[in-house]
Each structure stands twice: as C-alpha cells, then as structure tokens.
C-alpha atoms as a PDB file:
ATOM      1  CA  MET A   1     122.219  89.593 122.896  1.00  0.00           C
ATOM      2  CA  MET A   2     123.308  88.370 119.496  1.00  0.00           C
ATOM      3  CA  LEU A   3     119.659  88.087 118.392  1.00  0.00           C
ATOM      4  CA  ASN A   4     119.264  91.875 118.705  1.00  0.00           C
ATOM      5  CA  TYR A   5     122.118  92.462 116.298  1.00  0.00           C
ATOM      6  CA  ILE A   6     120.870  89.895 113.786  1.00  0.00           C
ATOM      7  CA  LEU A   7     117.272  91.161 113.819  1.00  0.00           C
ATOM      8  CA  GLY A   8     118.421  94.791 113.805  1.00  0.00           C
ATOM      9  CA  LEU A   9     120.701  94.240 110.841  1.00  0.00           C
ATOM     10  CA  ALA A  10     117.971  92.341 108.964  1.00  0.00           C
ATOM     11  CA  ALA A  11     115.455  95.136 109.627  1.00  0.00           C
ATOM     12  CA  ILE A  12     117.940  97.805 108.496  1.00  0.00           C
ATOM     13  CA  ILE A  13     118.697  95.915 105.286  1.00  0.00           C
ATOM     14  CA  PHE A  14     114.986  95.371 104.577  1.00  0.00           C
ATOM     15  CA  GLY A  15     114.193  99.032 105.309  1.00  0.00           C
ATOM     16  CA  VAL A  16     116.902 100.305 102.971  1.00  0.00           C
ATOM     17  CA  TYR A  17     115.788  97.836 100.287  1.00  0.00           C
ATOM     18  CA  GLN A  18     112.159  98.939 100.616  1.00  0.00           C
ATOM     19  CA  ALA A  19     113.025 102.649 100.514  1.00  0.00           C
ATOM     20  CA  TYR A  20     115.256 102.081  97.460  1.00  0.00           C
ATOM     21  CA  ASN A  21     112.456 100.254  95.647  1.00  0.00           C
ATOM     22  CA  SER A  22     110.020 103.051  96.492  1.00  0.00           C
ATOM     23  CA  VAL A  23     112.297 105.683  94.982  1.00  0.00           C
ATOM     24  CA  LYS A  24     112.907 103.478  91.954  1.00  0.00           C
ATOM     25  CA  TYR A  25     109.149 103.061  91.438  1.00  0.00           C
ATOM     26  CA  VAL A  26     108.643 106.849  91.631  1.00  0.00           C
ATOM     27  CA  LYS A  27     111.157 107.268  88.813  1.00  0.00           C
ATOM     28  CA  ILE A  28     109.353 104.608  86.770  1.00  0.00           C
ATOM     29  CA  LEU A  29     106.029 106.366  87.329  1.00  0.00           C
ATOM     30  CA  GLN A  30     107.501 109.718  86.333  1.00  0.00           C
ATOM     31  CA  HIS A  31     108.853 108.268  83.120  1.00  0.00           C
ATOM     32  CA  ASN A  32     106.040 105.889  82.126  1.00  0.00           C
ATOM     33  CA  GLY A  33     102.986 107.284  83.926  1.00  0.00           C
ATOM     34  CA  ASN A  34     100.053 108.563  81.906  1.00  0.00           C
ATOM     35  CA  LYS A  35      96.260 108.921  82.171  1.00  0.00           C
ATOM     36  CA  THR A  36      95.800 105.176  82.526  1.00  0.00           C
ATOM     37  CA  THR A  37      98.060 104.964  85.591  1.00  0.00           C
ATOM     38  CA  SER A  38      96.099 104.193  88.720  1.00  0.00           C
ATOM     39  CA  ASN A  39      95.454 107.054  91.114  1.00  0.00           C
ATOM     40  CA  PHE A  40      96.364 104.761  93.988  1.00  0.00           C
ATOM     41  CA  SER A  41      99.956 104.418  92.777  1.00  0.00           C
ATOM     42  CA  ALA A  42     101.021 107.531  94.677  1.00  0.00           C
ATOM     43  CA  ILE A  43      99.456 106.209  97.873  1.00  0.00           C
ATOM     44  CA  ALA A  44     101.222 102.878  97.381  1.00  0.00           C
ATOM     45  CA  VAL A  45     104.573 104.619  96.937  1.00  0.00           C
ATOM     46  CA  TRP A  46     104.187 106.749 100.060  1.00  0.00           C
ATOM     47  CA  TYR A  47     103.079 103.820 102.199  1.00  0.00           C
ATOM     48  CA  SER A  48     105.914 101.639 100.960  1.00  0.00           C
ATOM     49  CA  LEU A  49     108.375 104.431 101.733  1.00  0.00           C
ATOM     50  CA  ALA A  50     106.884 104.852 105.213  1.00  0.00           C
ATOM     51  CA  PHE A  51     107.078 101.086 105.714  1.00  0.00           C
ATOM     52  CA  GLY A  52     110.751 101.110 104.715  1.00  0.00           C
ATOM     53  CA  ILE A  53     111.560 104.023 107.015  1.00  0.00           C
ATOM     54  CA  GLY A  54     109.690 102.294 109.834  1.00  0.00           C
ATOM     55  CA  PHE A  55     111.764  99.153 109.399  1.00  0.00           C
ATOM     56  CA  LEU A  56     114.919 101.250 109.253  1.00  0.00           C
ATOM     57  CA  VAL A  57     114.051 102.938 112.563  1.00  0.00           C
ATOM     58  CA  LEU A  58     113.105  99.584 114.105  1.00  0.00           C
ATOM     59  CA  GLY A  59     116.409  98.108 112.988  1.00  0.00           C
ATOM     60  CA  ILE A  60     118.385 101.002 114.439  1.00  0.00           C
ATOM     61  CA  CYS A  61     116.516 100.669 117.725  1.00  0.00           C
ATOM     62  CA  LEU A  62     117.166  96.949 117.875  1.00  0.00           C
ATOM     63  CA  PHE A  63     120.791  97.286 116.856  1.00  0.00           C
ATOM     64  CA  PHE A  64     121.817 100.218 119.033  1.00  0.00           C
ATOM     65  CA  VAL A  65     119.240 101.173 121.653  1.00  0.00           C
ATOM     66  CA  ILE A  66     117.113  98.369 123.055  1.00  0.00           C
ATOM     67  CA  GLY A  67     118.656  95.997 125.605  1.00  0.00           C
ATOM     68  CA  PRO A  68     119.020  92.240 125.192  1.00  0.00           C
ATOM     69  CA  VAL A  69     116.048  90.065 124.255  1.00  0.00           C
ATOM     70  CA  ASN A  70     115.344  87.390 126.835  1.00  0.00           C
END
C-alpha cells in the first residue's frame, strides 16, 4: 500500500517538473528563437509537455485511485 503513495508522489513530482521545464523552454524559444532554430523544437516542446501531463495523471491515479500493488 505504501508503494502506491511513493510511486504516485514520485510520478506527480516528475510530471510537474517536466511540465515546468516545457513551459520554461517555450519562453526561451520565444525570446531567443530565430531562423536558425530547428523546426522540430515545437514538436519537442509539445511532446515533453504531453509526457509531463501523462506522468501527472499516472501519479494521481496511483496516489488516489488505484488499489494496493501486490
């Protein structure tokens, strides 16, 4: 039972950290981006944000919803 809370909390922290870094990178791109900036940067930002949100949802499910791990 305790493992759910530990893994859920770790996933929530990692998800928030990943989403924060994604937003921070968008601000860096807006300020420093120019013609030489890779076109794939936007895709990388969106996928990293989706990854962070996915971990956040997984952490919430582990922490609050899913029963004990056997």
